Amino acid sequence: MQQMYHPDDLASMDPLVLMKNLDHVRMTARRLSYVLQQQVHLYVPEANEVRMEIDRYVEAERQIEAELARRRIRA
């Protein structure tokens, strides 16, 4: 799984930027999930690509949440 953010980049981000990025990755993952649900006719390779993109955004969400927890910032 390729990480969207390098840990050093997350550590140097302003808390407000972290929160905005967290909102962005959450909304994008949800939007992609909705697309996948609506596109049940997609061929397997295309559906798998969408699933991989969703996984990438979910992992980015975990990264940001871990950094916020490390800094003891509540989301």
Protein backbone atom coordinates (compact mmCIF):
# COMPACT_ATOMS: atom_id res chain seq x y z
CA MET A 1 0.00 0.00 0.00
CA GLN A 2 1.49 3.31 -1.09
CA GLN A 3 1.17 5.99 1.55
CA MET A 4 -0.39 9.27 0.52
CA TYR A 5 1.59 11.29 3.08
CA HIS A 6 5.15 10.92 4.26
CA PRO A 7 5.28 10.80 8.10
CA ASP A 8 7.72 13.74 8.19
CA ASP A 9 5.33 15.83 6.10
CA LEU A 10 2.47 15.06 8.47
CA ALA A 11 4.61 15.92 11.49
CA SER A 12 5.41 19.33 10.03
CA MET A 13 1.83 20.25 9.08
CA ASP A 14 -0.11 22.90 10.91
CA PRO A 15 -3.01 21.41 12.93
CA LEU A 16 -5.55 23.28 10.80
CA VAL A 17 -4.05 21.83 7.63
CA LEU A 18 -4.18 18.36 9.16
CA MET A 19 -7.85 18.80 9.95
CA LYS A 20 -8.61 20.03 6.42
CA ASN A 21 -6.70 17.10 4.92
CA LEU A 22 -8.59 14.71 7.17
CA ASP A 23 -11.90 16.13 5.96
CA HIS A 24 -10.72 15.85 2.36
CA VAL A 25 -9.64 12.20 2.57
CA ARG A 26 -12.84 11.22 4.40
CA MET A 27 -15.08 12.91 1.82
CA THR A 28 -13.11 11.49 -1.09
CA ALA A 29 -13.21 7.94 0.28
CA ARG A 30 -16.96 8.23 0.80
CA ARG A 31 -17.49 9.64 -2.68
CA LEU A 32 -15.46 6.83 -4.24
CA SER A 33 -17.40 4.26 -2.21
CA TYR A 34 -20.64 5.75 -3.52
CA VAL A 35 -19.32 5.61 -7.09
CA LEU A 36 -18.36 1.97 -6.63
CA GLN A 37 -21.80 1.13 -5.25
CA GLN A 38 -23.54 2.85 -8.15
CA GLN A 39 -21.29 1.33 -10.80
CA VAL A 40 -22.06 -2.33 -10.16
CA HIS A 41 -21.76 -2.92 -13.89
CA LEU A 42 -18.07 -2.04 -13.85
CA TYR A 43 -15.73 -4.66 -15.11
CA VAL A 44 -13.53 -6.27 -12.48
CA PRO A 45 -10.32 -4.34 -13.33
CA GLU A 46 -12.07 -0.96 -13.09
CA ALA A 47 -13.85 -1.90 -9.87
CA ASN A 48 -10.57 -3.10 -8.39
CA GLU A 49 -8.92 0.22 -9.29
CA VAL A 50 -11.68 2.11 -7.47
CA ARG A 51 -11.31 -0.19 -4.47
CA MET A 52 -7.55 0.39 -4.40
CA GLU A 53 -8.10 4.15 -4.54
CA ILE A 54 -10.59 3.91 -1.66
CA ASP A 55 -8.05 1.90 0.34
CA ARG A 56 -5.43 4.56 -0.34
CA TYR A 57 -7.67 7.30 1.03
CA VAL A 58 -8.67 5.21 4.05
CA GLU A 59 -4.98 4.65 4.81
CA ALA A 60 -4.36 8.40 4.50
CA GLU A 61 -7.20 8.96 6.98
CA ARG A 62 -5.52 6.55 9.41
CA GLN A 63 -2.19 8.34 8.98
CA ILE A 64 -3.69 11.74 9.72
CA GLU A 65 -5.67 10.43 12.69
CA ALA A 66 -2.50 8.85 14.10
CA GLU A 67 -0.65 12.16 13.77
CA LEU A 68 -3.51 14.02 15.44
CA ALA A 69 -3.51 11.46 18.25
CA ARG A 70 0.27 11.81 18.60
CA ARG A 71 -0.19 15.55 19.03
CA ARG A 72 -3.25 15.00 21.26
CA ILE A 73 -5.47 17.03 18.94
CA ARG A 74 -9.12 16.03 18.87
CA ALA A 75 -10.71 15.68 15.43
